[in-house]
Protein backbone atom coordinates (compact mmCIF):
# COMPACT_ATOMS: atom_id res chain seq x y z
CA MET A 1 -15.46 31.53 -41.03
CA THR A 2 -15.12 32.84 -37.48
CA GLN A 3 -11.65 32.66 -35.98
CA LEU A 4 -9.27 34.24 -33.50
CA ILE A 5 -5.51 34.23 -34.08
CA PHE A 6 -3.08 35.39 -31.39
CA LEU A 7 -0.12 37.14 -33.05
CA GLY A 8 1.58 37.49 -29.68
CA THR A 9 1.04 37.06 -25.96
CA ALA A 10 3.74 39.27 -24.39
CA GLY A 11 2.60 41.57 -21.61
CA ASP A 12 5.59 43.65 -20.57
CA SER A 13 8.71 45.23 -22.04
CA ALA A 14 11.01 42.59 -20.52
CA VAL A 15 9.20 39.76 -22.30
CA VAL A 16 9.18 41.72 -25.58
CA SER A 17 12.81 42.88 -25.41
CA LYS A 18 14.01 39.35 -24.64
CA GLN A 19 11.67 38.04 -27.38
CA LEU A 20 10.29 35.39 -25.04
CA ARG A 21 6.90 36.06 -26.62
CA ALA A 22 5.76 38.25 -29.51
CA SER A 23 3.32 41.15 -29.09
CA GLY A 24 1.59 41.43 -32.45
CA GLY A 25 -1.96 41.60 -31.14
CA ILE A 26 -5.06 39.54 -31.87
CA ILE A 27 -6.82 38.94 -35.20
CA ILE A 28 -10.58 38.37 -35.13
CA ARG A 29 -12.23 37.10 -38.30
CA ILE A 30 -16.03 37.22 -38.45
CA GLU A 31 -17.39 36.14 -41.82
CA ASP A 32 -15.82 38.61 -44.31
CA LEU A 33 -14.65 41.04 -41.62
CA GLN A 34 -11.14 41.09 -40.13
CA PHE A 35 -10.28 43.02 -36.97
CA HIS A 36 -6.78 43.58 -35.59
CA ILE A 37 -6.58 44.40 -31.87
CA ASP A 38 -3.50 46.06 -30.33
CA PRO A 39 -0.81 45.65 -33.04
CA GLY A 40 2.31 45.82 -30.89
CA PRO A 41 5.90 44.89 -31.82
CA GLY A 42 6.07 42.07 -34.34
CA ALA A 43 2.58 42.45 -35.81
CA LEU A 44 3.73 42.34 -39.45
CA TYR A 45 6.20 39.51 -38.97
CA LYS A 46 3.77 37.33 -37.00
CA ALA A 47 0.90 38.04 -39.40
CA LYS A 48 3.02 36.67 -42.24
CA GLU A 49 4.16 33.69 -40.13
CA TYR A 50 0.57 32.73 -39.25
CA GLY A 51 -0.90 33.31 -42.71
CA VAL A 52 -2.79 36.56 -42.00
CA ASN A 53 -3.15 39.01 -44.91
CA LEU A 54 -3.23 42.44 -43.29
CA HIS A 55 -4.60 44.01 -46.46
CA HIS A 56 -7.85 42.22 -45.65
CA THR A 57 -8.17 44.07 -42.33
CA THR A 58 -11.48 45.88 -41.92
CA ALA A 59 -10.65 47.73 -38.71
CA VAL A 60 -7.73 48.18 -36.32
CA LEU A 61 -8.58 48.63 -32.63
CA VAL A 62 -6.10 49.98 -30.07
CA SER A 63 -6.86 49.99 -26.35
CA HIS A 64 -4.22 52.58 -25.37
CA ASN A 65 -0.92 54.05 -26.50
CA GLY A 66 1.42 51.66 -24.67
CA ILE A 67 4.19 50.47 -26.97
CA ASN A 68 3.20 46.80 -26.54
CA HIS A 69 -0.26 47.70 -27.85
CA CYS A 70 0.40 50.09 -30.72
CA ASN A 71 4.06 50.01 -31.80
CA ASP A 72 3.24 48.57 -35.27
CA LEU A 73 0.07 50.59 -35.83
CA ASN A 74 1.41 52.78 -38.64
CA VAL A 75 3.01 49.91 -40.56
CA VAL A 76 -0.20 47.88 -40.18
CA VAL A 77 -2.16 50.81 -41.66
CA ASP A 78 0.44 50.95 -44.43
CA ALA A 79 -0.08 47.25 -45.16
CA MET A 80 -3.87 47.34 -45.07
CA THR A 81 -4.02 50.28 -47.53
CA HIS A 82 -1.11 49.37 -49.82
CA ALA A 83 0.74 52.46 -48.56
CA GLY A 84 -2.28 54.66 -49.17
CA ILE A 85 -2.97 53.53 -52.73
CA GLU A 86 -6.36 52.45 -51.41
CA GLN A 87 -8.00 54.70 -48.85
CA ARG A 88 -9.81 52.13 -46.74
CA GLY A 89 -10.31 50.73 -43.29
CA ILE A 90 -11.29 52.04 -39.88
CA LEU A 91 -9.22 52.82 -36.81
CA LEU A 92 -10.89 52.72 -33.40
CA GLY A 93 -8.60 53.80 -30.59
CA SER A 94 -8.27 55.45 -27.21
CA LYS A 95 -7.96 59.23 -27.13
CA SER A 96 -4.33 58.91 -26.00
CA LEU A 97 -3.55 57.15 -29.28
CA LEU A 98 -5.11 59.81 -31.49
CA VAL A 99 -5.28 63.10 -29.58
CA GLU A 100 -2.40 64.94 -27.92
CA GLN A 101 -2.46 64.41 -24.17
CA GLU A 102 -0.39 65.89 -21.38
CA GLY A 103 2.99 64.16 -21.51
CA SER A 104 2.32 62.27 -24.75
CA HIS A 105 1.62 62.81 -28.42
CA PRO A 106 -0.62 60.96 -30.91
CA PHE A 107 0.90 57.66 -32.06
CA LEU A 108 -0.85 57.57 -35.43
CA THR A 109 1.03 59.82 -37.85
CA GLN A 110 -0.84 62.42 -39.89
CA HIS A 111 0.58 60.73 -42.99
CA HIS A 112 -1.02 57.37 -42.12
CA ARG A 113 -4.24 58.95 -40.88
CA ARG A 114 -4.90 60.05 -44.46
CA PHE A 115 -4.73 56.43 -45.64
CA LEU A 116 -7.76 55.44 -43.55
CA GLU A 117 -11.40 55.85 -44.46
CA LYS A 118 -12.39 56.64 -40.87
CA VAL A 119 -10.57 57.34 -37.57
CA ILE A 120 -12.60 57.33 -34.35
CA ALA A 121 -11.30 58.23 -30.88
CA MET A 122 -13.46 56.05 -28.64
CA GLU A 123 -14.27 56.95 -25.06
CA LYS A 124 -15.52 54.59 -22.38
CA ASN A 125 -18.99 53.18 -23.17
CA HIS A 126 -18.85 54.58 -26.72
CA LYS A 127 -20.59 52.35 -29.31
CA VAL A 128 -19.66 51.89 -32.97
CA ALA A 129 -21.14 49.61 -35.63
CA VAL A 130 -18.84 48.01 -38.22
CA ASP A 131 -21.04 46.21 -40.72
CA LEU A 132 -22.73 43.34 -38.84
CA VAL A 133 -20.69 43.81 -35.63
CA GLU A 134 -21.42 46.32 -32.86
CA ILE A 135 -18.41 47.32 -30.77
CA HIS A 136 -18.62 48.86 -27.30
CA ALA A 137 -15.66 50.57 -25.59
CA LEU A 138 -15.30 48.97 -22.15
CA PRO A 139 -14.84 51.28 -19.12
CA VAL A 140 -11.46 50.00 -17.94
CA ASP A 141 -9.38 51.55 -15.16
CA TYR A 142 -5.69 51.86 -16.07
CA LEU A 143 -2.71 54.21 -15.71
CA ASP A 144 -3.75 55.78 -19.03
CA PRO A 145 -7.09 57.36 -18.04
CA THR A 146 -8.33 57.18 -21.65
CA ALA A 147 -7.61 53.43 -21.98
CA ILE A 148 -10.50 51.23 -23.12
CA GLY A 149 -11.34 47.60 -23.78
CA PHE A 150 -13.60 46.25 -26.50
CA LYS A 151 -16.80 44.22 -26.47
CA PHE A 152 -17.87 42.73 -29.81
CA PHE A 153 -21.53 41.90 -30.36
CA CYS A 154 -21.39 39.41 -33.24
CA PRO A 155 -24.28 37.56 -34.91
CA THR A 156 -23.73 34.30 -33.00
CA PHE A 157 -21.58 35.22 -29.97
CA THR A 158 -20.27 38.07 -27.82
CA LEU A 159 -16.54 38.58 -27.27
CA SER A 160 -14.86 40.89 -24.77
CA TYR A 161 -11.21 41.96 -24.63
CA THR A 162 -10.42 43.89 -21.47
CA GLY A 163 -7.05 45.34 -22.43
CA ASP A 164 -5.04 46.51 -19.42
CA THR A 165 -7.12 47.25 -16.34
CA ILE A 166 -7.97 46.47 -12.76
CA VAL A 167 -11.37 45.22 -11.60
CA THR A 168 -14.19 47.72 -11.03
CA PRO A 169 -17.93 47.20 -10.50
CA GLU A 170 -18.65 49.09 -13.73
CA LEU A 171 -16.34 46.84 -15.72
CA LEU A 172 -17.89 43.68 -14.26
CA GLU A 173 -21.35 44.97 -15.17
CA THR A 174 -20.41 45.75 -18.78
CA LEU A 175 -18.71 42.35 -19.22
CA THR A 176 -21.94 40.54 -18.32
CA GLY A 177 -23.27 38.44 -21.21
CA THR A 178 -19.83 37.74 -22.69
CA ASP A 179 -19.41 34.32 -24.33
CA LEU A 180 -15.68 34.52 -25.01
CA LEU A 181 -13.63 36.56 -22.53
CA ILE A 182 -10.01 37.58 -23.23
CA LEU A 183 -8.15 38.93 -20.21
CA ASN A 184 -4.74 40.60 -20.12
CA VAL A 185 -3.10 38.96 -17.08
CA PRO A 186 0.57 39.95 -16.72
CA TYR A 187 0.97 38.65 -13.16
CA PRO A 188 0.46 35.29 -11.42
CA GLY A 189 -1.24 34.71 -8.07
CA ASN A 190 -2.04 37.97 -6.31
CA LYS A 191 1.05 39.87 -7.49
CA GLY A 192 -0.64 42.44 -9.71
CA THR A 193 0.80 45.96 -9.79
CA TYR A 194 0.44 49.15 -11.82
CA LYS A 195 -3.30 48.64 -12.37
CA ASN A 196 -2.88 45.29 -14.12
CA LEU A 197 -4.66 41.98 -13.55
CA ASP A 198 -3.19 38.98 -11.78
CA THR A 199 -4.59 35.46 -11.59
CA GLN A 200 -6.68 36.16 -8.49
CA LEU A 201 -8.36 39.16 -10.13
CA ALA A 202 -8.91 37.11 -13.29
CA ILE A 203 -10.71 34.53 -11.15
CA LYS A 204 -12.91 37.31 -9.74
CA ILE A 205 -13.87 38.53 -13.21
CA ILE A 206 -14.46 35.06 -14.67
CA SER A 207 -16.53 33.96 -11.67
CA HIS A 208 -18.77 37.01 -12.14
CA VAL A 209 -19.09 36.89 -15.94
CA HIS A 210 -19.09 33.07 -16.28
CA PRO A 211 -18.30 33.04 -20.02
CA LYS A 212 -18.31 29.89 -22.12
CA LEU A 213 -14.55 30.29 -22.62
CA ALA A 214 -11.89 32.44 -20.91
CA VAL A 215 -8.49 33.12 -22.47
CA LEU A 216 -5.57 34.51 -20.46
CA THR A 217 -2.92 36.44 -22.41
CA HIS A 218 -0.50 39.41 -22.22
CA PHE A 219 1.95 37.67 -19.89
CA GLY A 220 4.70 39.41 -17.97
CA LEU A 221 8.02 37.92 -16.92
CA GLU A 222 6.69 36.82 -13.52
CA MET A 223 3.74 35.05 -15.15
CA LEU A 224 6.01 33.19 -17.56
CA LYS A 225 8.19 32.05 -14.66
CA ALA A 226 5.07 30.81 -12.82
CA ASP A 227 3.84 29.08 -16.03
CA PRO A 228 0.61 30.46 -17.56
CA LEU A 229 -0.62 26.90 -18.20
CA LEU A 230 -0.61 26.12 -14.48
CA GLU A 231 -2.28 29.44 -13.67
CA ALA A 232 -5.02 28.77 -16.25
CA ARG A 233 -5.64 25.32 -14.79
CA GLU A 234 -6.09 26.88 -11.35
CA VAL A 235 -8.52 29.44 -12.77
CA GLN A 236 -10.54 26.68 -14.43
CA ARG A 237 -10.55 24.58 -11.24
CA LEU A 238 -11.85 27.45 -9.11
CA THR A 239 -14.36 28.94 -11.56
CA GLY A 240 -15.61 25.89 -13.45
CA VAL A 241 -15.11 27.86 -16.70
CA GLN A 242 -13.00 26.43 -19.52
CA THR A 243 -9.83 28.53 -19.39
CA ILE A 244 -6.91 28.66 -21.83
CA ALA A 245 -3.46 30.20 -21.44
CA ALA A 246 -2.80 31.70 -24.87
CA GLN A 247 0.36 30.94 -26.82
CA ASP A 248 1.79 32.79 -29.81
CA GLY A 249 -0.04 31.39 -32.83
CA LEU A 250 -3.04 30.12 -30.87
CA ILE A 251 -6.12 29.73 -33.09
CA ILE A 252 -9.63 29.57 -31.64
CA SER A 253 -12.95 28.94 -33.34
CA PRO A 254 -15.47 30.67 -31.02
CA GLY A 255 -18.29 28.32 -31.99
CA GLN A 256 -16.39 25.27 -30.73
CA TYR A 257 -15.71 26.12 -27.09
CA LYS A 258 -15.76 22.49 -25.98
CA SER A 259 -13.50 21.22 -28.76
CA PRO A 260 -9.70 20.89 -28.63
CA VAL A 261 -8.04 24.21 -29.43
CA LYS A 262 -5.33 24.35 -32.08
CA GLY A 263 -1.99 25.55 -30.75
CA TYR A 264 -2.67 24.56 -27.11
CA ASP A 265 -1.55 21.51 -25.23
């Protein structure tokens, strides 16, 4: 079974604090492997709601140490290891998440670090193999200089998750060959700020990469007011690429890009 489950689609603190959307991250299931990307606030609650057993998680991946991306990291590690009874699992994260930086401290506690089999601080363009999946750290450009995205090379498809970033030539080059592209797009139109994507920049990326499916997520308050569904339709109209505005609980089967997608209407 290959499946993506969106445990939340919130992209700024206003949306999270008002609980307009959850921010629990994204689950990727590839055969017997389970990956959890960016477990922000609500990861445990939404995993239970959508039938995801976090103890089955193979690896947790965190793009940077923003609270909407890593708030529930330690409790997710607790769940996947039965509070350390089983030392298992891998954590792949930005240096800001795991190594003390100027103005910030590691988010993963030393206590929970001991629960994991392996902890890897990934830098841009770093490559790691997890069983049958090869994962590349994308060279994103964000306020956190150590921030990364993730590109998954799977047996039958390639998936890229940009995390938070603006557009750069290097990023466009590394996204080439992506089948399923997930973009964090907090802003509608051309209103992007603070090194985040807006709809116009998403169109630029999708037009260059031309994936089989593009998914917009990580919505800010302005995007919700504009309506992500309308923004996604405009992206699809201008790029010719099937484009979905994610909703909390959205489930996608990557091998069925042309089929109706559960949780989307």
